[in-house]
Amino acid sequence: MKLKIRNSKSKKCKKTGFRTRQKTAGGRKVNKRHRARHGSI
């Protein structure tokens, strides 16, 4: 889900689930950090 223009409405619409985050390199990093801090998610 790549949007070139990111206005506040589309920011709100941005999906934030675990699977969605796993789809990008940055998101995987977030999940990894999450796992490190809180054991498993």
N, C-alpha and C. Protein backbone atom coordinates (compact mmCIF):
# COMPACT_ATOMS: atom_id res chain seq x y z
N MET A 1 0.84 -1.19 0.00
CA MET A 1 0.00 0.00 0.00
C MET A 1 0.87 1.25 0.00
N LYS A 2 1.28 1.67 -1.17
CA LYS A 2 2.12 2.85 -1.27
C LYS A 2 1.30 4.01 -1.78
N LEU A 3 1.23 5.08 -1.01
CA LEU A 3 0.56 6.29 -1.47
C LEU A 3 1.59 7.39 -1.57
N LYS A 4 1.61 8.05 -2.72
CA LYS A 4 2.60 9.11 -2.90
C LYS A 4 2.24 10.33 -2.07
N ILE A 5 0.94 10.66 -2.07
CA ILE A 5 0.51 11.82 -1.30
C ILE A 5 -0.06 11.31 0.01
N ARG A 6 0.45 11.81 1.12
CA ARG A 6 0.01 11.33 2.41
C ARG A 6 -0.64 12.48 3.18
N ASN A 7 -1.95 12.68 2.98
CA ASN A 7 -2.62 13.69 3.80
C ASN A 7 -3.16 13.04 5.06
N SER A 8 -3.69 13.83 5.96
CA SER A 8 -4.06 13.30 7.27
C SER A 8 -5.14 12.22 7.18
N LYS A 9 -6.02 12.35 6.19
CA LYS A 9 -7.07 11.33 6.04
C LYS A 9 -6.48 9.98 5.67
N SER A 10 -5.54 10.01 4.74
CA SER A 10 -4.93 8.75 4.34
C SER A 10 -4.00 8.21 5.41
N LYS A 11 -3.48 9.10 6.26
CA LYS A 11 -2.67 8.65 7.39
C LYS A 11 -3.54 7.81 8.31
N LYS A 12 -4.77 8.30 8.53
CA LYS A 12 -5.71 7.57 9.39
C LYS A 12 -6.08 6.23 8.78
N CYS A 13 -6.19 6.19 7.45
CA CYS A 13 -6.61 4.97 6.77
C CYS A 13 -5.50 3.94 6.71
N LYS A 14 -4.28 4.36 7.00
CA LYS A 14 -3.14 3.46 6.90
C LYS A 14 -3.32 2.27 7.82
N LYS A 15 -3.12 1.09 7.26
CA LYS A 15 -3.32 -0.12 8.06
C LYS A 15 -2.15 -0.36 8.99
N THR A 16 -2.43 -0.81 10.20
CA THR A 16 -1.38 -0.94 11.20
C THR A 16 -1.31 -2.32 11.84
N GLY A 17 -1.86 -3.32 11.19
CA GLY A 17 -1.83 -4.67 11.75
C GLY A 17 -0.45 -5.32 11.65
N PHE A 18 -0.28 -6.41 12.34
CA PHE A 18 0.98 -7.14 12.35
C PHE A 18 1.37 -7.59 10.94
N ARG A 19 0.42 -8.18 10.22
CA ARG A 19 0.71 -8.70 8.87
C ARG A 19 1.07 -7.58 7.92
N THR A 20 0.39 -6.45 8.06
CA THR A 20 0.67 -5.30 7.21
C THR A 20 2.09 -4.81 7.44
N ARG A 21 2.51 -4.76 8.71
CA ARG A 21 3.86 -4.31 9.02
C ARG A 21 4.91 -5.29 8.51
N GLN A 22 4.57 -6.59 8.52
CA GLN A 22 5.53 -7.59 8.07
C GLN A 22 5.85 -7.46 6.59
N LYS A 23 5.00 -6.77 5.84
CA LYS A 23 5.18 -6.69 4.39
C LYS A 23 6.27 -5.73 3.95
N THR A 24 6.72 -4.83 4.84
CA THR A 24 7.79 -3.91 4.47
C THR A 24 9.00 -4.12 5.37
N ALA A 25 10.16 -3.72 4.86
CA ALA A 25 11.39 -3.87 5.64
C ALA A 25 11.31 -3.06 6.93
N GLY A 26 10.82 -1.85 6.84
CA GLY A 26 10.68 -0.98 8.01
C GLY A 26 9.72 -1.57 9.03
N GLY A 27 8.63 -2.15 8.53
CA GLY A 27 7.63 -2.75 9.40
C GLY A 27 8.16 -3.96 10.14
N ARG A 28 8.97 -4.75 9.44
CA ARG A 28 9.57 -5.93 10.07
C ARG A 28 10.47 -5.50 11.21
N LYS A 29 11.16 -4.38 11.00
CA LYS A 29 12.03 -3.82 12.03
C LYS A 29 11.20 -3.44 13.26
N VAL A 30 10.05 -2.82 13.02
CA VAL A 30 9.15 -2.42 14.10
C VAL A 30 8.68 -3.64 14.89
N ASN A 31 8.28 -4.69 14.17
CA ASN A 31 7.81 -5.91 14.82
C ASN A 31 8.91 -6.58 15.61
N LYS A 32 10.12 -6.54 15.07
CA LYS A 32 11.27 -7.13 15.74
C LYS A 32 11.53 -6.40 17.05
N ARG A 33 11.46 -5.08 16.99
CA ARG A 33 11.67 -4.25 18.18
C ARG A 33 10.60 -4.54 19.22
N HIS A 34 9.37 -4.67 18.73
CA HIS A 34 8.22 -4.97 19.58
C HIS A 34 8.42 -6.29 20.32
N ARG A 35 8.91 -7.29 19.55
CA ARG A 35 9.13 -8.61 20.11
C ARG A 35 10.25 -8.58 21.14
N ALA A 36 11.29 -7.81 20.84
CA ALA A 36 12.42 -7.71 21.75
C ALA A 36 12.02 -7.07 23.09
N ARG A 37 11.16 -6.07 23.00
CA ARG A 37 10.76 -5.37 24.22
C ARG A 37 9.72 -6.09 25.05
N HIS A 38 8.82 -6.80 24.38
CA HIS A 38 7.69 -7.37 25.10
C HIS A 38 7.61 -8.88 25.01
N GLY A 39 8.71 -9.52 24.82
CA GLY A 39 8.67 -10.97 24.61
C GLY A 39 8.03 -11.22 23.27
N SER A 40 7.10 -12.14 23.16
CA SER A 40 6.42 -12.29 21.88
C SER A 40 5.29 -11.26 21.88
N ILE A 41 4.80 -10.94 20.68
CA ILE A 41 3.83 -9.85 20.55
C ILE A 41 2.50 -10.19 21.21
